[in-house]
Amino acid sequence: QTSSSKLCIAHPYARLFAKKDDTKRRRIWNHALEKTIFNPYELSTLGAPHRRAIYLASLEAHIDRLLAQLFSIGCCPVSVAELERFRGLNSKTAKSMVSNLQHEVSVSRLKLLELERA
């Protein structure tokens, strides 16, 4: 390619959208923390989907314990009234909401990096 055929970048983080391809890839499951939860025998005998379910359940239990600690000292990060609108929310819907927030945060971080680089 010649320099004249390169993409002209007008905005500091326009490169992010210029190099974005349309293929949607599934994110690989990160096994880094599994050794802290499972022993070697469990790692060798339990399948990844089963380990993932156990991992998520332990994560949810940990979050419940943290929230109970916050409530016990009178610190309520979110009022009960604010949480009421999410009552009965399907777990898949909640997961997709969290996933979308995580994606927005990662895009925002990339934008900040591009602005700092400019």
PDB file of N, CA and C in Angstrom:
ATOM      1  N   GLN A   1       0.828  -1.194   0.000  1.00  0.00           N
ATOM      2  CA  GLN A   1       0.000   0.000   0.000  1.00  0.00           C
ATOM      3  C   GLN A   1       0.865   1.248   0.000  1.00  0.00           C
ATOM      4  N   THR A   2       0.397   2.230  -0.680  1.00  0.00           N
ATOM      5  CA  THR A   2       1.099   3.507  -0.682  1.00  0.00           C
ATOM      6  C   THR A   2       0.509   4.398   0.392  1.00  0.00           C
ATOM      7  N   SER A   3       1.232   5.462   0.702  1.00  0.00           N
ATOM      8  CA  SER A   3       0.749   6.367   1.741  1.00  0.00           C
ATOM      9  C   SER A   3      -0.508   7.108   1.302  1.00  0.00           C
ATOM     10  N   SER A   4      -0.717   7.258  -0.016  1.00  0.00           N
ATOM     11  CA  SER A   4      -1.914   7.953  -0.488  1.00  0.00           C
ATOM     12  C   SER A   4      -3.163   7.096  -0.340  1.00  0.00           C
ATOM     13  N   SER A   5      -3.001   5.771  -0.232  1.00  0.00           N
ATOM     14  CA  SER A   5      -4.170   4.907  -0.091  1.00  0.00           C
ATOM     15  C   SER A   5      -4.546   4.673   1.369  1.00  0.00           C
ATOM     16  N   LYS A   6      -3.771   5.259   2.302  1.00  0.00           N
ATOM     17  CA  LYS A   6      -4.090   5.095   3.719  1.00  0.00           C
ATOM     18  C   LYS A   6      -5.318   5.913   4.081  1.00  0.00           C
ATOM     19  N   LEU A   7      -5.955   5.485   5.150  1.00  0.00           N
ATOM     20  CA  LEU A   7      -7.159   6.140   5.635  1.00  0.00           C
ATOM     21  C   LEU A   7      -6.808   7.486   6.259  1.00  0.00           C
ATOM     22  N   CYS A   8      -7.525   8.531   5.901  1.00  0.00           N
ATOM     23  CA  CYS A   8      -7.317   9.851   6.475  1.00  0.00           C
ATOM     24  C   CYS A   8      -8.059   9.907   7.807  1.00  0.00           C
ATOM     25  N   ILE A   9      -7.346  10.212   8.879  1.00  0.00           N
ATOM     26  CA  ILE A   9      -7.941  10.212  10.209  1.00  0.00           C
ATOM     27  C   ILE A   9      -8.142  11.653  10.656  1.00  0.00           C
ATOM     28  N   ALA A  10      -9.418  12.024  10.846  1.00  0.00           N
ATOM     29  CA  ALA A  10      -9.738  13.385  11.231  1.00  0.00           C
ATOM     30  C   ALA A  10      -9.923  13.521  12.737  1.00  0.00           C
ATOM     31  N   HIS A  11     -10.418  12.493  13.382  1.00  0.00           N
ATOM     32  CA  HIS A  11     -10.729  12.537  14.804  1.00  0.00           C
ATOM     33  C   HIS A  11      -9.708  11.710  15.574  1.00  0.00           C
ATOM     34  N   PRO A  12      -9.360  12.113  16.799  1.00  0.00           N
ATOM     35  CA  PRO A  12      -8.314  11.391  17.536  1.00  0.00           C
ATOM     36  C   PRO A  12      -8.553   9.894  17.703  1.00  0.00           C
ATOM     37  N   TYR A  13      -9.815   9.476  17.928  1.00  0.00           N
ATOM     38  CA  TYR A  13     -10.030   8.048  18.076  1.00  0.00           C
ATOM     39  C   TYR A  13     -10.818   7.450  16.926  1.00  0.00           C
ATOM     40  N   ALA A  14     -10.691   8.067  15.756  1.00  0.00           N
ATOM     41  CA  ALA A  14     -11.340   7.506  14.571  1.00  0.00           C
ATOM     42  C   ALA A  14     -10.701   6.187  14.163  1.00  0.00           C
ATOM     43  N   ARG A  15      -9.433   5.978  14.565  1.00  0.00           N
ATOM     44  CA  ARG A  15      -8.759   4.713  14.236  1.00  0.00           C
ATOM     45  C   ARG A  15      -9.475   3.520  14.846  1.00  0.00           C
ATOM     46  N   LEU A  16     -10.087   3.724  16.010  1.00  0.00           N
ATOM     47  CA  LEU A  16     -10.798   2.622  16.662  1.00  0.00           C
ATOM     48  C   LEU A  16     -11.906   2.081  15.778  1.00  0.00           C
ATOM     49  N   PHE A  17     -12.640   3.001  15.163  1.00  0.00           N
ATOM     50  CA  PHE A  17     -13.759   2.579  14.335  1.00  0.00           C
ATOM     51  C   PHE A  17     -13.306   2.186  12.934  1.00  0.00           C
ATOM     52  N   ALA A  18     -12.171   2.724  12.488  1.00  0.00           N
ATOM     53  CA  ALA A  18     -11.654   2.375  11.166  1.00  0.00           C
ATOM     54  C   ALA A  18     -11.155   0.941  11.132  1.00  0.00           C
ATOM     55  N   LYS A  19     -10.551   0.480  12.239  1.00  0.00           N
ATOM     56  CA  LYS A  19     -10.007  -0.876  12.235  1.00  0.00           C
ATOM     57  C   LYS A  19     -10.991  -1.917  12.756  1.00  0.00           C
ATOM     58  N   LYS A  20     -12.203  -1.500  13.065  1.00  0.00           N
ATOM     59  CA  LYS A  20     -13.202  -2.421  13.591  1.00  0.00           C
ATOM     60  C   LYS A  20     -13.715  -3.318  12.462  1.00  0.00           C
ATOM     61  N   ASP A  21     -13.614  -4.625  12.661  1.00  0.00           N
ATOM     62  CA  ASP A  21     -14.162  -5.527  11.656  1.00  0.00           C
ATOM     63  C   ASP A  21     -15.550  -5.972  12.093  1.00  0.00           C
ATOM     64  N   ASP A  22     -16.337  -6.451  11.143  1.00  0.00           N
ATOM     65  CA  ASP A  22     -17.734  -6.763  11.405  1.00  0.00           C
ATOM     66  C   ASP A  22     -17.959  -8.153  11.984  1.00  0.00           C
ATOM     67  N   THR A  23     -16.920  -8.952  12.113  1.00  0.00           N
ATOM     68  CA  THR A  23     -17.110 -10.290  12.654  1.00  0.00           C
ATOM     69  C   THR A  23     -17.221 -10.219  14.166  1.00  0.00           C
ATOM     70  N   LYS A  24     -18.215 -10.903  14.680  1.00  0.00           N
ATOM     71  CA  LYS A  24     -18.426 -10.927  16.121  1.00  0.00           C
ATOM     72  C   LYS A  24     -17.798 -12.197  16.670  1.00  0.00           C
ATOM     73  N   ARG A  25     -16.834 -12.033  17.553  1.00  0.00           N
ATOM     74  CA  ARG A  25     -16.141 -13.186  18.119  1.00  0.00           C
ATOM     75  C   ARG A  25     -16.579 -13.401  19.551  1.00  0.00           C
ATOM     76  N   ARG A  26     -16.694 -14.662  19.928  1.00  0.00           N
ATOM     77  CA  ARG A  26     -17.020 -14.989  21.305  1.00  0.00           C
ATOM     78  C   ARG A  26     -15.756 -14.856  22.141  1.00  0.00           C
ATOM     79  N   ARG A  27     -15.886 -14.220  23.270  1.00  0.00           N
ATOM     80  CA  ARG A  27     -14.731 -14.025  24.132  1.00  0.00           C
ATOM     81  C   ARG A  27     -14.346 -15.349  24.782  1.00  0.00           C
ATOM     82  N   ILE A  28     -13.068 -15.617  24.812  1.00  0.00           N
ATOM     83  CA  ILE A  28     -12.572 -16.852  25.388  1.00  0.00           C
ATOM     84  C   ILE A  28     -12.696 -16.778  26.906  1.00  0.00           C
ATOM     85  N   TRP A  29     -13.138 -17.884  27.505  1.00  0.00           N
ATOM     86  CA  TRP A  29     -13.277 -17.957  28.955  1.00  0.00           C
ATOM     87  C   TRP A  29     -11.898 -17.857  29.593  1.00  0.00           C
ATOM     88  N   ASN A  30     -11.765 -16.950  30.536  1.00  0.00           N
ATOM     89  CA  ASN A  30     -10.485 -16.748  31.206  1.00  0.00           C
ATOM     90  C   ASN A  30     -10.378 -17.720  32.381  1.00  0.00           C
ATOM     91  N   HIS A  31      -9.422 -18.623  32.312  1.00  0.00           N
ATOM     92  CA  HIS A  31      -9.257 -19.655  33.335  1.00  0.00           C
ATOM     93  C   HIS A  31      -8.251 -19.259  34.412  1.00  0.00           C
ATOM     94  N   ALA A  32      -7.831 -18.012  34.438  1.00  0.00           N
ATOM     95  CA  ALA A  32      -6.744 -17.589  35.325  1.00  0.00           C
ATOM     96  C   ALA A  32      -7.058 -17.804  36.802  1.00  0.00           C
ATOM     97  N   LEU A  33      -8.285 -17.572  37.218  1.00  0.00           N
ATOM     98  CA  LEU A  33      -8.615 -17.652  38.639  1.00  0.00           C
ATOM     99  C   LEU A  33      -9.184 -19.000  39.060  1.00  0.00           C
ATOM    100  N   GLU A  34      -9.296 -19.925  38.124  1.00  0.00           N
ATOM    101  CA  GLU A  34      -9.888 -21.216  38.470  1.00  0.00           C
ATOM    102  C   GLU A  34      -9.068 -21.971  39.502  1.00  0.00           C
ATOM    103  N   LYS A  35      -7.749 -21.789  39.493  1.00  0.00           N
ATOM    104  CA  LYS A  35      -6.900 -22.516  40.439  1.00  0.00           C
ATOM    105  C   LYS A  35      -7.101 -22.037  41.872  1.00  0.00           C
ATOM    106  N   THR A  36      -7.652 -20.840  42.046  1.00  0.00           N
ATOM    107  CA  THR A  36      -7.933 -20.362  43.397  1.00  0.00           C
ATOM    108  C   THR A  36      -9.216 -20.954  43.952  1.00  0.00           C
ATOM    109  N   ILE A  37     -10.091 -21.429  43.075  1.00  0.00           N
ATOM    110  CA  ILE A  37     -11.376 -21.981  43.502  1.00  0.00           C
ATOM    111  C   ILE A  37     -11.359 -23.503  43.487  1.00  0.00           C
ATOM    112  N   PHE A  38     -10.767 -24.081  42.450  1.00  0.00           N
ATOM    113  CA  PHE A  38     -10.789 -25.532  42.265  1.00  0.00           C
ATOM    114  C   PHE A  38      -9.414 -26.133  42.541  1.00  0.00           C
ATOM    115  N   ASN A  39      -9.418 -27.328  43.118  1.00  0.00           N
ATOM    116  CA  ASN A  39      -8.154 -28.046  43.314  1.00  0.00           C
ATOM    117  C   ASN A  39      -7.803 -28.788  42.021  1.00  0.00           C
ATOM    118  N   PRO A  40      -6.589 -29.302  41.888  1.00  0.00           N
ATOM    119  CA  PRO A  40      -6.188 -29.968  40.637  1.00  0.00           C
ATOM    120  C   PRO A  40      -7.096 -31.137  40.236  1.00  0.00           C
ATOM    121  N   TYR A  41      -7.584 -31.879  41.233  1.00  0.00           N
ATOM    122  CA  TYR A  41      -8.480 -33.001  40.925  1.00  0.00           C
ATOM    123  C   TYR A  41      -9.775 -32.493  40.289  1.00  0.00           C
ATOM    124  N   GLU A  42     -10.354 -31.438  40.866  1.00  0.00           N
ATOM    125  CA  GLU A  42     -11.592 -30.879  40.319  1.00  0.00           C
ATOM    126  C   GLU A  42     -11.361 -30.298  38.928  1.00  0.00           C
ATOM    127  N   LEU A  43     -10.210 -29.670  38.734  1.00  0.00           N
ATOM    128  CA  LEU A  43      -9.904 -29.120  37.410  1.00  0.00           C
ATOM    129  C   LEU A  43      -9.826 -30.215  36.353  1.00  0.00           C
ATOM    130  N   SER A  44      -9.321 -31.384  36.748  1.00  0.00           N
ATOM    131  CA  SER A  44      -9.176 -32.464  35.766  1.00  0.00           C
ATOM    132  C   SER A  44     -10.457 -33.262  35.567  1.00  0.00           C
ATOM    133  N   THR A  45     -11.365 -33.247  36.545  1.00  0.00           N
ATOM    134  CA  THR A  45     -12.569 -34.075  36.425  1.00  0.00           C
ATOM    135  C   THR A  45     -13.811 -33.300  36.015  1.00  0.00           C
ATOM    136  N   LEU A  46     -13.899 -32.030  36.370  1.00  0.00           N
ATOM    137  CA  LEU A  46     -15.080 -31.239  36.024  1.00  0.00           C
ATOM    138  C   LEU A  46     -14.893 -30.586  34.658  1.00  0.00           C
ATOM    139  N   GLY A  47     -15.944 -30.602  33.859  1.00  0.00           N
ATOM    140  CA  GLY A  47     -15.886 -29.934  32.565  1.00  0.00           C
ATOM    141  C   GLY A  47     -15.961 -28.423  32.725  1.00  0.00           C
ATOM    142  N   ALA A  48     -15.511 -27.707  31.712  1.00  0.00           N
ATOM    143  CA  ALA A  48     -15.497 -26.236  31.768  1.00  0.00           C
ATOM    144  C   ALA A  48     -16.884 -25.639  31.995  1.00  0.00           C
ATOM    145  N   PRO A  49     -17.953 -26.136  31.329  1.00  0.00           N
ATOM    146  CA  PRO A  49     -19.274 -25.547  31.595  1.00  0.00           C
ATOM    147  C   PRO A  49     -19.713 -25.711  33.055  1.00  0.00           C
ATOM    148  N   HIS A  50     -19.408 -26.871  33.643  1.00  0.00           N
ATOM    149  CA  HIS A  50     -19.766 -27.102  35.045  1.00  0.00           C
ATOM    150  C   HIS A  50     -18.943 -26.202  35.963  1.00  0.00           C
ATOM    151  N   ARG A  51     -17.650 -26.075  35.677  1.00  0.00           N
ATOM    152  CA  ARG A  51     -16.799 -25.180  36.465  1.00  0.00           C
ATOM    153  C   ARG A  51     -17.273 -23.736  36.344  1.00  0.00           C
ATOM    154  N   ARG A  52     -17.691 -23.349  35.159  1.00  0.00           N
ATOM    155  CA  ARG A  52     -18.167 -21.978  34.940  1.00  0.00           C
ATOM    156  C   ARG A  52     -19.401 -21.700  35.796  1.00  0.00           C
ATOM    157  N   ALA A  53     -20.324 -22.663  35.860  1.00  0.00           N
ATOM    158  CA  ALA A  53     -21.533 -22.490  36.670  1.00  0.00           C
ATOM    159  C   ALA A  53     -21.178 -22.373  38.152  1.00  0.00           C
ATOM    160  N   ILE A  54     -20.253 -23.202  38.611  1.00  0.00           N
ATOM    161  CA  ILE A  54     -19.816 -23.142  40.011  1.00  0.00           C
ATOM    162  C   ILE A  54     -19.116 -21.814  40.283  1.00  0.00           C
ATOM    163  N   TYR A  55     -18.283 -21.382  39.356  1.00  0.00           N
ATOM    164  CA  TYR A  55     -17.556 -20.123  39.501  1.00  0.00           C
ATOM    165  C   TYR A  55     -18.535 -18.953  39.615  1.00  0.00           C
ATOM    166  N   LEU A  56     -19.547 -18.924  38.743  1.00  0.00           N
ATOM    167  CA  LEU A  56     -20.530 -17.841  38.788  1.00  0.00           C
ATOM    168  C   LEU A  56     -21.313 -17.871  40.090  1.00  0.00           C
ATOM    169  N   ALA A  57     -21.685 -19.068  40.549  1.00  0.00           N
ATOM    170  CA  ALA A  57     -22.420 -19.179  41.809  1.00  0.00           C
ATOM    171  C   ALA A  57     -21.568 -18.681  42.979  1.00  0.00           C
ATOM    172  N   SER A  58     -20.274 -19.010  42.975  1.00  0.00           N
ATOM    173  CA  SER A  58     -19.405 -18.545  44.063  1.00  0.00           C
ATOM    174  C   SER A  58     -19.210 -17.033  43.989  1.00  0.00           C
ATOM    175  N   LEU A  59     -19.159 -16.494  42.783  1.00  0.00           N
ATOM    176  CA  LEU A  59     -19.036 -15.046  42.615  1.00  0.00           C
ATOM    177  C   LEU A  59     -20.292 -14.339  43.123  1.00  0.00           C
ATOM    178  N   GLU A  60     -21.469 -14.877  42.787  1.00  0.00           N
ATOM    179  CA  GLU A  60     -22.727 -14.289  43.260  1.00  0.00           C
ATOM    180  C   GLU A  60     -22.816 -14.359  44.783  1.00  0.00           C
ATOM    181  N   ALA A  61     -22.382 -15.474  45.376  1.00  0.00           N
ATOM    182  CA  ALA A  61     -22.398 -15.610  46.837  1.00  0.00           C
ATOM    183  C   ALA A  61     -21.450 -14.596  47.477  1.00  0.00           C
ATOM    184  N   HIS A  62     -20.302 -14.375  46.861  1.00  0.00           N
ATOM    185  CA  HIS A  62     -19.342 -13.394  47.378  1.00  0.00           C
ATOM    186  C   HIS A  62     -19.938 -11.986  47.324  1.00  0.00           C
ATOM    187  N   ILE A  63     -20.608 -11.668  46.240  1.00  0.00           N
ATOM    188  CA  ILE A  63     -21.253 -10.354  46.114  1.00  0.00           C
ATOM    189  C   ILE A  63     -22.335 -10.197  47.171  1.00  0.00           C
ATOM    190  N   ASP A  64     -23.115 -11.262  47.414  1.00  0.00           N
ATOM    191  CA  ASP A  64     -24.142 -11.212  48.459  1.00  0.00           C
ATOM    192  C   ASP A  64     -23.519 -10.964  49.832  1.00  0.00           C
ATOM    193  N   ARG A  65     -22.379 -11.614  50.119  1.00  0.00           N
ATOM    194  CA  ARG A  65     -21.697 -11.400  51.403  1.00  0.00           C
ATOM    195  C   ARG A  65     -21.205  -9.954  51.521  1.00  0.00           C
ATOM    196  N   LEU A  66     -20.660  -9.413  50.438  1.00  0.00           N
ATOM    197  CA  LEU A  66     -20.188  -8.022  50.469  1.00  0.00           C
ATOM    198  C   LEU A  66     -21.343  -7.051  50.698  1.00  0.00           C
ATOM    199  N   LEU A  67     -22.464  -7.287  50.026  1.00  0.00           N
ATOM    200  CA  LEU A  67     -23.632  -6.423  50.222  1.00  0.00           C
ATOM    201  C   LEU A  67     -24.155  -6.526  51.647  1.00  0.00           C
ATOM    202  N   ALA A  68     -24.166  -7.742  52.215  1.00  0.00           N
ATOM    203  CA  ALA A  68     -24.615  -7.920  53.598  1.00  0.00           C
ATOM    204  C   ALA A  68     -23.714  -7.147  54.555  1.00  0.00           C
ATOM    205  N   GLN A  69     -22.408  -7.149  54.292  1.00  0.00           N
ATOM    206  CA  GLN A  69     -21.481  -6.379  55.131  1.00  0.00           C
ATOM    207  C   GLN A  69     -21.771  -4.886  55.028  1.00  0.00           C
ATOM    208  N   LEU A  70     -22.026  -4.413  53.813  1.00  0.00           N
ATOM    209  CA  LEU A  70     -22.334  -2.991  53.631  1.00  0.00           C
ATOM    210  C   LEU A  70     -23.617  -2.614  54.359  1.00  0.00           C
ATOM    211  N   PHE A  71     -24.648  -3.454  54.241  1.00  0.00           N
ATOM    212  CA  PHE A  71     -25.914  -3.172  54.915  1.00  0.00           C
ATOM    213  C   PHE A  71     -25.755  -3.217  56.435  1.00  0.00           C
ATOM    214  N   SER A  72     -24.885  -4.114  56.938  1.00  0.00           N
ATOM    215  CA  SER A  72     -24.713  -4.247  58.390  1.00  0.00           C
ATOM    216  C   SER A  72     -24.068  -3.007  59.007  1.00  0.00           C
ATOM    217  N   ILE A  73     -23.270  -2.283  58.238  1.00  0.00           N
ATOM    218  CA  ILE A  73     -22.658  -1.058  58.770  1.00  0.00           C
ATOM    219  C   ILE A  73     -23.439   0.193  58.358  1.00  0.00           C
ATOM    220  N   GLY A  74     -24.597  -0.027  57.743  1.00  0.00           N
ATOM    221  CA  GLY A  74     -25.450   1.095  57.383  1.00  0.00           C
ATOM    222  C   GLY A  74     -25.069   1.793  56.100  1.00  0.00           C
ATOM    223  N   CYS A  75     -24.213   1.185  55.331  1.00  0.00           N
ATOM    224  CA  CYS A  75     -23.802   1.763  54.052  1.00  0.00           C
ATOM    225  C   CYS A  75     -24.587   1.080  52.941  1.00  0.00           C
ATOM    226  N   CYS A  76     -25.399   1.849  52.275  1.00  0.00           N
ATOM    227  CA  CYS A  76     -26.225   1.278  51.211  1.00  0.00           C
ATOM    228  C   CYS A  76     -25.819   1.932  49.891  1.00  0.00           C
ATOM    229  N   PRO A  77     -25.021   1.238  49.053  1.00  0.00           N
ATOM    230  CA  PRO A  77     -24.545   1.854  47.813  1.00  0.00           C
ATOM    231  C   PRO A  77     -25.678   2.238  46.862  1.00  0.00           C
ATOM    232  N   VAL A  78     -26.749   1.467  46.896  1.00  0.00           N
ATOM    233  CA  VAL A  78     -27.920   1.748  46.065  1.00  0.00           C
ATOM    234  C   VAL A  78     -29.139   1.564  46.951  1.00  0.00           C
ATOM    235  N   SER A  79     -30.047   2.520  46.906  1.00  0.00           N
ATOM    236  CA  SER A  79     -31.232   2.405  47.754  1.00  0.00           C
ATOM    237  C   SER A  79     -32.129   1.275  47.262  1.00  0.00           C
ATOM    238  N   VAL A  80     -32.902   0.723  48.194  1.00  0.00           N
ATOM    239  CA  VAL A  80     -33.810  -0.375  47.867  1.00  0.00           C
ATOM    240  C   VAL A  80     -34.841   0.091  46.839  1.00  0.00           C
ATOM    241  N   ALA A  81     -35.255   1.343  46.923  1.00  0.00           N
ATOM    242  CA  ALA A  81     -36.229   1.883  45.968  1.00  0.00           C
ATOM    243  C   ALA A  81     -35.673   1.879  44.546  1.00  0.00           C
ATOM    244  N   GLU A  82     -34.372   2.165  44.411  1.00  0.00           N
ATOM    245  CA  GLU A  82     -33.753   2.154  43.081  1.00  0.00           C
ATOM    246  C   GLU A  82     -33.667   0.748  42.507  1.00  0.00           C
ATOM    247  N   LEU A  83     -33.525  -0.239  43.381  1.00  0.00           N
ATOM    248  CA  LEU A  83     -33.433  -1.627  42.927  1.00  0.00           C
ATOM    249  C   LEU A  83     -34.791  -2.227  42.590  1.00  0.00           C
ATOM    250  N   GLU A  84     -35.862  -1.611  43.066  1.00  0.00           N
ATOM    251  CA  GLU A  84     -37.203  -2.168  42.885  1.00  0.00           C
ATOM    252  C   GLU A  84     -37.560  -2.359  41.413  1.00  0.00           C
ATOM    253  N   ARG A  85     -37.111  -1.485  40.556  1.00  0.00           N
ATOM    254  CA  ARG A  85     -37.457  -1.601  39.132  1.00  0.00           C
ATOM    255  C   ARG A  85     -36.825  -2.828  38.481  1.00  0.00           C
ATOM    256  N   PHE A  86     -35.819  -3.421  39.119  1.00  0.00           N
ATOM    257  CA  PHE A  86     -35.176  -4.610  38.570  1.00  0.00           C
ATOM    258  C   PHE A  86     -35.726  -5.906  39.157  1.00  0.00           C
ATOM    259  N   ARG A  87     -36.742  -5.832  40.006  1.00  0.00           N
ATOM    260  CA  ARG A  87     -37.316  -7.031  40.616  1.00  0.00           C
ATOM    261  C   ARG A  87     -37.889  -7.934  39.520  1.00  0.00           C
ATOM    262  N   GLY A  88     -37.567  -9.213  39.592  1.00  0.00           N
ATOM    263  CA  GLY A  88     -38.069 -10.179  38.622  1.00  0.00           C
ATOM    264  C   GLY A  88     -37.317 -10.176  37.308  1.00  0.00           C
ATOM    265  N   LEU A  89     -36.212  -9.471  37.257  1.00  0.00           N
ATOM    266  CA  LEU A  89     -35.426  -9.389  36.028  1.00  0.00           C
ATOM    267  C   LEU A  89     -34.798 -10.742  35.720  1.00  0.00           C
ATOM    268  N   ASN A  90     -34.935 -11.163  34.497  1.00  0.00           N
ATOM    269  CA  ASN A  90     -34.346 -12.420  34.047  1.00  0.00           C
ATOM    270  C   ASN A  90     -32.828 -12.325  34.156  1.00  0.00           C
ATOM    271  N   SER A  91     -32.180 -13.411  34.587  1.00  0.00           N
ATOM    272  CA  SER A  91     -30.725 -13.362  34.765  1.00  0.00           C
ATOM    273  C   SER A  91     -30.001 -13.140  33.444  1.00  0.00           C
ATOM    274  N   LYS A  92     -30.551 -13.675  32.347  1.00  0.00           N
ATOM    275  CA  LYS A  92     -29.902 -13.455  31.047  1.00  0.00           C
ATOM    276  C   LYS A  92     -29.988 -11.985  30.650  1.00  0.00           C
ATOM    277  N   THR A  93     -31.107 -11.353  30.973  1.00  0.00           N
ATOM    278  CA  THR A  93     -31.248  -9.928  30.684  1.00  0.00           C
ATOM    279  C   THR A  93     -30.252  -9.126  31.512  1.00  0.00           C
ATOM    280  N   ALA A  94     -30.126  -9.477  32.786  1.00  0.00           N
ATOM    281  CA  ALA A  94     -29.168  -8.781  33.651  1.00  0.00           C
ATOM    282  C   ALA A  94     -27.747  -8.979  33.146  1.00  0.00           C
ATOM    283  N   LYS A  95     -27.421 -10.202  32.728  1.00  0.00           N
ATOM    284  CA  LYS A  95     -26.080 -10.467  32.212  1.00  0.00           C
ATOM    285  C   LYS A  95     -25.810  -9.653  30.954  1.00  0.00           C
ATOM    286  N   SER A  96     -26.816  -9.531  30.091  1.00  0.00           N
ATOM    287  CA  SER A  96     -26.600  -8.753  28.871  1.00  0.00           C
ATOM    288  C   SER A  96     -26.464  -7.266  29.189  1.00  0.00           C
ATOM    289  N   MET A  97     -27.184  -6.795  30.217  1.00  0.00           N
ATOM    290  CA  MET A  97     -27.041  -5.402  30.628  1.00  0.00           C
ATOM    291  C   MET A  97     -25.627  -5.141  31.148  1.00  0.00           C
ATOM    292  N   VAL A  98     -25.119  -6.047  31.978  1.00  0.00           N
ATOM    293  CA  VAL A  98     -23.763  -5.907  32.513  1.00  0.00           C
ATOM    294  C   VAL A  98     -22.741  -6.005  31.390  1.00  0.00           C
ATOM    295  N   SER A  99     -22.973  -6.925  30.463  1.00  0.00           N
ATOM    296  CA  SER A  99     -22.067  -7.084  29.330  1.00  0.00           C
ATOM    297  C   SER A  99     -22.018  -5.808  28.496  1.00  0.00           C
ATOM    298  N   ASN A 100     -23.169  -5.204  28.274  1.00  0.00           N
ATOM    299  CA  ASN A 100     -23.222  -3.964  27.502  1.00  0.00           C
ATOM    300  C   ASN A 100     -22.478  -2.845  28.233  1.00  0.00           C
ATOM    301  N   LEU A 101     -22.666  -2.755  29.546  1.00  0.00           N
ATOM    302  CA  LEU A 101     -21.941  -1.748  30.320  1.00  0.00           C
ATOM    303  C   LEU A 101     -20.436  -1.973  30.239  1.00  0.00           C
ATOM    304  N   GLN A 102     -20.031  -3.235  30.325  1.00  0.00           N
ATOM    305  CA  GLN A 102     -18.604  -3.558  30.236  1.00  0.00           C
ATOM    306  C   GLN A 102     -18.052  -3.163  28.867  1.00  0.00           C
ATOM    307  N   HIS A 103     -18.830  -3.405  27.813  1.00  0.00           N
ATOM    308  CA  HIS A 103     -18.396  -3.025  26.468  1.00  0.00           C
ATOM    309  C   HIS A 103     -18.258  -1.506  26.360  1.00  0.00           C
ATOM    310  N   GLU A 104     -19.249  -0.776  26.894  1.00  0.00           N
ATOM    311  CA  GLU A 104     -19.193   0.684  26.846  1.00  0.00           C
ATOM    312  C   GLU A 104     -17.973   1.220  27.596  1.00  0.00           C
ATOM    313  N   VAL A 105     -17.652   0.608  28.732  1.00  0.00           N
ATOM    314  CA  VAL A 105     -16.478   1.022  29.506  1.00  0.00           C
ATOM    315  C   VAL A 105     -15.206   0.768  28.708  1.00  0.00           C
ATOM    316  N   SER A 106     -15.119  -0.398  28.060  1.00  0.00           N
ATOM    317  CA  SER A 106     -13.902  -0.700  27.293  1.00  0.00           C
ATOM    318  C   SER A 106     -13.743   0.249  26.110  1.00  0.00           C
ATOM    319  N   VAL A 107     -14.843   0.592  25.448  1.00  0.00           N
ATOM    320  CA  VAL A 107     -14.773   1.555  24.343  1.00  0.00           C
ATOM    321  C   VAL A 107     -14.361   2.929  24.870  1.00  0.00           C
ATOM    322  N   SER A 108     -14.911   3.314  26.024  1.00  0.00           N
ATOM    323  CA  SER A 108     -14.545   4.607  26.613  1.00  0.00           C
ATOM    324  C   SER A 108     -13.071   4.650  26.990  1.00  0.00           C
ATOM    325  N   ARG A 109     -12.562   3.539  27.527  1.00  0.00           N
ATOM    326  CA  ARG A 109     -11.135   3.486  27.865  1.00  0.00           C
ATOM    327  C   ARG A 109     -10.273   3.624  26.620  1.00  0.00           C
ATOM    328  N   LEU A 110     -10.670   2.960  25.542  1.00  0.00           N
ATOM    329  CA  LEU A 110      -9.916   3.078  24.296  1.00  0.00           C
ATOM    330  C   LEU A 110      -9.945   4.507  23.773  1.00  0.00           C
ATOM    331  N   LYS A 111     -11.095   5.157  23.899  1.00  0.00           N
ATOM    332  CA  LYS A 111     -11.200   6.552  23.465  1.00  0.00           C
ATOM    333  C   LYS A 111     -10.271   7.447  24.288  1.00  0.00           C
ATOM    334  N   LEU A 112     -10.249   7.211  25.600  1.00  0.00           N
ATOM    335  CA  LEU A 112      -9.348   7.991  26.452  1.00  0.00           C
ATOM    336  C   LEU A 112      -7.889   7.780  26.065  1.00  0.00           C
ATOM    337  N   LEU A 113      -7.523   6.538  25.807  1.00  0.00           N
ATOM    338  CA  LEU A 113      -6.149   6.258  25.384  1.00  0.00           C
ATOM    339  C   LEU A 113      -5.807   6.961  24.080  1.00  0.00           C
ATOM    340  N   GLU A 114      -6.749   6.951  23.144  1.00  0.00           N
ATOM    341  CA  GLU A 114      -6.514   7.625  21.865  1.00  0.00           C
ATOM    342  C   GLU A 114      -6.398   9.138  22.053  1.00  0.00           C
ATOM    343  N   LEU A 115      -7.222   9.696  22.944  1.00  0.00           N
ATOM    344  CA  LEU A 115      -7.138  11.138  23.198  1.00  0.00           C
ATOM    345  C   LEU A 115      -5.816  11.500  23.877  1.00  0.00           C
ATOM    346  N   GLU A 116      -5.359  10.645  24.797  1.00  0.00           N
ATOM    347  CA  GLU A 116      -4.078  10.897  25.452  1.00  0.00           C
ATOM    348  C   GLU A 116      -2.926  10.780  24.464  1.00  0.00           C
ATOM    349  N   ARG A 117      -3.081   9.889  23.500  1.00  0.00           N
ATOM    350  CA  ARG A 117      -2.037   9.662  22.500  1.00  0.00           C
ATOM    351  C   ARG A 117      -1.963  10.820  21.501  1.00  0.00           C
ATOM    352  N   ALA A 118      -3.093  11.482  21.251  1.00  0.00           N
ATOM    353  CA  ALA A 118      -3.160  12.549  20.238  1.00  0.00           C
ATOM    354  C   ALA A 118      -2.455  13.818  20.681  1.00  0.00           C
TER     355      ALA A 118
END
